[in-house]
Amino acid sequence: MRNNRRSKIVATVGPASSSPDMLRSLFLAGVDTFRLNFSHGARADHAEVYRNIR
């Protein structure tokens, strides 16, 4: 089903959605791309979220 969609789902990751369990849930729900907003937050926080996404 995932490959048959023409549109893609992008999720912006923030404090409420950055835990590994939540990221996994979002992925299983059909998210294609995760977006980090670098205008807010510390570099170390973004690095941790990036590792969780990978």
PDB file of N, CA and C in Angstrom:
ATOM      1  N   MET A   1       0.827  -1.192   0.000  1.00  0.00           N
ATOM      2  CA  MET A   1       0.000   0.000   0.000  1.00  0.00           C
ATOM      3  C   MET A   1       0.868   1.251   0.000  1.00  0.00           C
ATOM      4  N   ARG A   2       1.942   1.258   0.754  1.00  0.00           N
ATOM      5  CA  ARG A   2       2.794   2.428   0.883  1.00  0.00           C
ATOM      6  C   ARG A   2       3.336   2.887  -0.473  1.00  0.00           C
ATOM      7  N   ASN A   3       3.713   1.968  -1.336  1.00  0.00           N
ATOM      8  CA  ASN A   3       4.298   2.337  -2.618  1.00  0.00           C
ATOM      9  C   ASN A   3       3.269   2.798  -3.640  1.00  0.00           C
ATOM     10  N   ASN A   4       1.996   2.575  -3.402  1.00  0.00           N
ATOM     11  CA  ASN A   4       0.961   2.947  -4.355  1.00  0.00           C
ATOM     12  C   ASN A   4       0.503   4.393  -4.224  1.00  0.00           C
ATOM     13  N   ARG A   5       0.897   5.075  -3.146  1.00  0.00           N
ATOM     14  CA  ARG A   5       0.477   6.467  -2.954  1.00  0.00           C
ATOM     15  C   ARG A   5       1.264   7.390  -3.870  1.00  0.00           C
ATOM     16  N   ARG A   6       0.595   8.404  -4.375  1.00  0.00           N
ATOM     17  CA  ARG A   6       1.279   9.409  -5.181  1.00  0.00           C
ATOM     18  C   ARG A   6       1.760  10.567  -4.334  1.00  0.00           C
ATOM     19  N   SER A   7       1.039  10.869  -3.277  1.00  0.00           N
ATOM     20  CA  SER A   7       1.461  11.947  -2.382  1.00  0.00           C
ATOM     21  C   SER A   7       2.315  11.358  -1.265  1.00  0.00           C
ATOM     22  N   LYS A   8       3.153  12.190  -0.694  1.00  0.00           N
ATOM     23  CA  LYS A   8       4.041  11.776   0.385  1.00  0.00           C
ATOM     24  C   LYS A   8       3.621  12.463   1.674  1.00  0.00           C
ATOM     25  N   ILE A   9       3.912  11.829   2.783  1.00  0.00           N
ATOM     26  CA  ILE A   9       3.578  12.386   4.091  1.00  0.00           C
ATOM     27  C   ILE A   9       4.863  12.846   4.758  1.00  0.00           C
ATOM     28  N   VAL A  10       4.898  14.127   5.132  1.00  0.00           N
ATOM     29  CA  VAL A  10       6.048  14.727   5.803  1.00  0.00           C
ATOM     30  C   VAL A  10       5.637  15.067   7.228  1.00  0.00           C
ATOM     31  N   ALA A  11       6.448  14.663   8.203  1.00  0.00           N
ATOM     32  CA  ALA A  11       6.168  14.958   9.610  1.00  0.00           C
ATOM     33  C   ALA A  11       7.278  15.836  10.169  1.00  0.00           C
ATOM     34  N   THR A  12       6.907  16.963  10.755  1.00  0.00           N
ATOM     35  CA  THR A  12       7.871  17.812  11.439  1.00  0.00           C
ATOM     36  C   THR A  12       8.038  17.285  12.854  1.00  0.00           C
ATOM     37  N   VAL A  13       9.277  16.974  13.217  1.00  0.00           N
ATOM     38  CA  VAL A  13       9.570  16.389  14.522  1.00  0.00           C
ATOM     39  C   VAL A  13       9.862  17.502  15.514  1.00  0.00           C
ATOM     40  N   GLY A  14       9.149  17.470  16.632  1.00  0.00           N
ATOM     41  CA  GLY A  14       9.348  18.435  17.703  1.00  0.00           C
ATOM     42  C   GLY A  14       9.456  17.708  19.026  1.00  0.00           C
ATOM     43  N   PRO A  15       9.408  18.439  20.122  1.00  0.00           N
ATOM     44  CA  PRO A  15       9.557  17.822  21.447  1.00  0.00           C
ATOM     45  C   PRO A  15       8.540  16.708  21.725  1.00  0.00           C
ATOM     46  N   ALA A  16       7.333  16.856  21.234  1.00  0.00           N
ATOM     47  CA  ALA A  16       6.294  15.856  21.509  1.00  0.00           C
ATOM     48  C   ALA A  16       6.421  14.613  20.637  1.00  0.00           C
ATOM     49  N   SER A  17       7.219  14.681  19.582  1.00  0.00           N
ATOM     50  CA  SER A  17       7.296  13.552  18.655  1.00  0.00           C
ATOM     51  C   SER A  17       8.716  13.046  18.432  1.00  0.00           C
ATOM     52  N   SER A  18       9.645  13.358  19.325  1.00  0.00           N
ATOM     53  CA  SER A  18      11.042  13.007  19.077  1.00  0.00           C
ATOM     54  C   SER A  18      11.502  11.723  19.755  1.00  0.00           C
ATOM     55  N   SER A  19      10.653  11.089  20.535  1.00  0.00           N
ATOM     56  CA  SER A  19      11.063   9.847  21.200  1.00  0.00           C
ATOM     57  C   SER A  19      11.119   8.712  20.174  1.00  0.00           C
ATOM     58  N   PRO A  20      11.992   7.738  20.404  1.00  0.00           N
ATOM     59  CA  PRO A  20      12.076   6.611  19.464  1.00  0.00           C
ATOM     60  C   PRO A  20      10.741   5.893  19.261  1.00  0.00           C
ATOM     61  N   ASP A  21       9.963   5.733  20.328  1.00  0.00           N
ATOM     62  CA  ASP A  21       8.664   5.059  20.197  1.00  0.00           C
ATOM     63  C   ASP A  21       7.699   5.856  19.328  1.00  0.00           C
ATOM     64  N   MET A  22       7.675   7.170  19.503  1.00  0.00           N
ATOM     65  CA  MET A  22       6.783   8.011  18.703  1.00  0.00           C
ATOM     66  C   MET A  22       7.238   8.036  17.248  1.00  0.00           C
ATOM     67  N   LEU A  23       8.541   8.127  17.004  1.00  0.00           N
ATOM     68  CA  LEU A  23       9.049   8.113  15.632  1.00  0.00           C
ATOM     69  C   LEU A  23       8.686   6.802  14.941  1.00  0.00           C
ATOM     70  N   ARG A  24       8.809   5.713  15.657  1.00  0.00           N
ATOM     71  CA  ARG A  24       8.437   4.407  15.105  1.00  0.00           C
ATOM     72  C   ARG A  24       6.945   4.371  14.776  1.00  0.00           C
ATOM     73  N   SER A  25       6.133   4.898  15.666  1.00  0.00           N
ATOM     74  CA  SER A  25       4.684   4.935  15.430  1.00  0.00           C
ATOM     75  C   SER A  25       4.344   5.771  14.202  1.00  0.00           C
ATOM     76  N   LEU A  26       5.003   6.915  14.067  1.00  0.00           N
ATOM     77  CA  LEU A  26       4.764   7.765  12.898  1.00  0.00           C
ATOM     78  C   LEU A  26       5.157   7.042  11.616  1.00  0.00           C
ATOM     79  N   PHE A  27       6.309   6.382  11.635  1.00  0.00           N
ATOM     80  CA  PHE A  27       6.761   5.643  10.460  1.00  0.00           C
ATOM     81  C   PHE A  27       5.770   4.538  10.096  1.00  0.00           C
ATOM     82  N   LEU A  28       5.331   3.792  11.093  1.00  0.00           N
ATOM     83  CA  LEU A  28       4.374   2.715  10.833  1.00  0.00           C
ATOM     84  C   LEU A  28       3.022   3.244  10.370  1.00  0.00           C
ATOM     85  N   ALA A  29       2.711   4.491  10.729  1.00  0.00           N
ATOM     86  CA  ALA A  29       1.456   5.113  10.301  1.00  0.00           C
ATOM     87  C   ALA A  29       1.537   5.635   8.870  1.00  0.00           C
ATOM     88  N   GLY A  30       2.746   5.621   8.272  1.00  0.00           N
ATOM     89  CA  GLY A  30       2.859   5.996   6.868  1.00  0.00           C
ATOM     90  C   GLY A  30       3.690   7.215   6.554  1.00  0.00           C
ATOM     91  N   VAL A  31       4.391   7.778   7.530  1.00  0.00           N
ATOM     92  CA  VAL A  31       5.229   8.951   7.261  1.00  0.00           C
ATOM     93  C   VAL A  31       6.365   8.547   6.327  1.00  0.00           C
ATOM     94  N   ASP A  32       6.596   9.354   5.280  1.00  0.00           N
ATOM     95  CA  ASP A  32       7.662   9.095   4.317  1.00  0.00           C
ATOM     96  C   ASP A  32       8.940   9.859   4.641  1.00  0.00           C
ATOM     97  N   THR A  33       8.792  11.068   5.174  1.00  0.00           N
ATOM     98  CA  THR A  33       9.932  11.947   5.432  1.00  0.00           C
ATOM     99  C   THR A  33       9.753  12.648   6.762  1.00  0.00           C
ATOM    100  N   PHE A  34      10.845  12.726   7.515  1.00  0.00           N
ATOM    101  CA  PHE A  34      10.838  13.471   8.770  1.00  0.00           C
ATOM    102  C   PHE A  34      11.579  14.780   8.559  1.00  0.00           C
ATOM    103  N   ARG A  35      11.046  15.854   9.141  1.00  0.00           N
ATOM    104  CA  ARG A  35      11.613  17.193   8.996  1.00  0.00           C
ATOM    105  C   ARG A  35      11.979  17.717  10.376  1.00  0.00           C
ATOM    106  N   LEU A  36      13.174  18.297  10.486  1.00  0.00           N
ATOM    107  CA  LEU A  36      13.614  18.947  11.720  1.00  0.00           C
ATOM    108  C   LEU A  36      13.659  20.443  11.481  1.00  0.00           C
ATOM    109  N   ASN A  37      13.124  21.221  12.408  1.00  0.00           N
ATOM    110  CA  ASN A  37      13.143  22.674  12.307  1.00  0.00           C
ATOM    111  C   ASN A  37      14.374  23.181  13.060  1.00  0.00           C
ATOM    112  N   PHE A  38      15.414  23.552  12.316  1.00  0.00           N
ATOM    113  CA  PHE A  38      16.673  23.974  12.925  1.00  0.00           C
ATOM    114  C   PHE A  38      16.629  25.400  13.457  1.00  0.00           C
ATOM    115  N   SER A  39      15.525  26.085  13.295  1.00  0.00           N
ATOM    116  CA  SER A  39      15.391  27.430  13.854  1.00  0.00           C
ATOM    117  C   SER A  39      15.191  27.385  15.362  1.00  0.00           C
ATOM    118  N   HIS A  40      14.798  26.239  15.876  1.00  0.00           N
ATOM    119  CA  HIS A  40      14.534  26.092  17.306  1.00  0.00           C
ATOM    120  C   HIS A  40      15.298  24.884  17.829  1.00  0.00           C
ATOM    121  N   GLY A  41      15.753  24.954  19.065  1.00  0.00           N
ATOM    122  CA  GLY A  41      16.423  23.828  19.691  1.00  0.00           C
ATOM    123  C   GLY A  41      17.930  23.900  19.570  1.00  0.00           C
ATOM    124  N   ALA A  42      18.578  23.065  20.351  1.00  0.00           N
ATOM    125  CA  ALA A  42      20.041  23.026  20.379  1.00  0.00           C
ATOM    126  C   ALA A  42      20.566  21.988  19.390  1.00  0.00           C
ATOM    127  N   ARG A  43      21.799  22.187  18.971  1.00  0.00           N
ATOM    128  CA  ARG A  43      22.418  21.283  18.012  1.00  0.00           C
ATOM    129  C   ARG A  43      22.460  19.844  18.549  1.00  0.00           C
ATOM    130  N   ALA A  44      22.787  19.698  19.827  1.00  0.00           N
ATOM    131  CA  ALA A  44      22.859  18.361  20.431  1.00  0.00           C
ATOM    132  C   ALA A  44      21.493  17.673  20.412  1.00  0.00           C
ATOM    133  N   ASP A  45      20.444  18.434  20.636  1.00  0.00           N
ATOM    134  CA  ASP A  45      19.089  17.864  20.595  1.00  0.00           C
ATOM    135  C   ASP A  45      18.756  17.354  19.196  1.00  0.00           C
ATOM    136  N   HIS A  46      19.103  18.132  18.186  1.00  0.00           N
ATOM    137  CA  HIS A  46      18.839  17.725  16.803  1.00  0.00           C
ATOM    138  C   HIS A  46      19.657  16.493  16.439  1.00  0.00           C
ATOM    139  N   ALA A  47      20.890  16.426  16.928  1.00  0.00           N
ATOM    140  CA  ALA A  47      21.734  15.265  16.641  1.00  0.00           C
ATOM    141  C   ALA A  47      21.119  13.997  17.221  1.00  0.00           C
ATOM    142  N   GLU A  48      20.575  14.088  18.419  1.00  0.00           N
ATOM    143  CA  GLU A  48      19.943  12.923  19.049  1.00  0.00           C
ATOM    144  C   GLU A  48      18.702  12.488  18.273  1.00  0.00           C
ATOM    145  N   VAL A  49      17.882  13.444  17.874  1.00  0.00           N
ATOM    146  CA  VAL A  49      16.678  13.119  17.099  1.00  0.00           C
ATOM    147  C   VAL A  49      17.073  12.493  15.767  1.00  0.00           C
ATOM    148  N   TYR A  50      18.104  13.034  15.135  1.00  0.00           N
ATOM    149  CA  TYR A  50      18.590  12.487  13.866  1.00  0.00           C
ATOM    150  C   TYR A  50      19.004  11.025  14.033  1.00  0.00           C
ATOM    151  N   ARG A  51      19.738  10.727  15.092  1.00  0.00           N
ATOM    152  CA  ARG A  51      20.147   9.340  15.356  1.00  0.00           C
ATOM    153  C   ARG A  51      18.922   8.447  15.574  1.00  0.00           C
ATOM    154  N   ASN A  52      17.925   8.963  16.262  1.00  0.00           N
ATOM    155  CA  ASN A  52      16.705   8.176  16.487  1.00  0.00           C
ATOM    156  C   ASN A  52      15.967   7.892  15.182  1.00  0.00           C
ATOM    157  N   ILE A  53      15.975   8.847  14.277  1.00  0.00           N
ATOM    158  CA  ILE A  53      15.305   8.657  12.985  1.00  0.00           C
ATOM    159  C   ILE A  53      16.047   7.628  12.146  1.00  0.00           C
ATOM    160  N   ARG A  54      17.351   7.718  12.128  1.00  0.00           N
ATOM    161  CA  ARG A  54      18.158   6.792  11.330  1.00  0.00           C
ATOM    162  C   ARG A  54      17.967   5.382  11.813  1.00  0.00           C
TER     163      ARG A  54
END
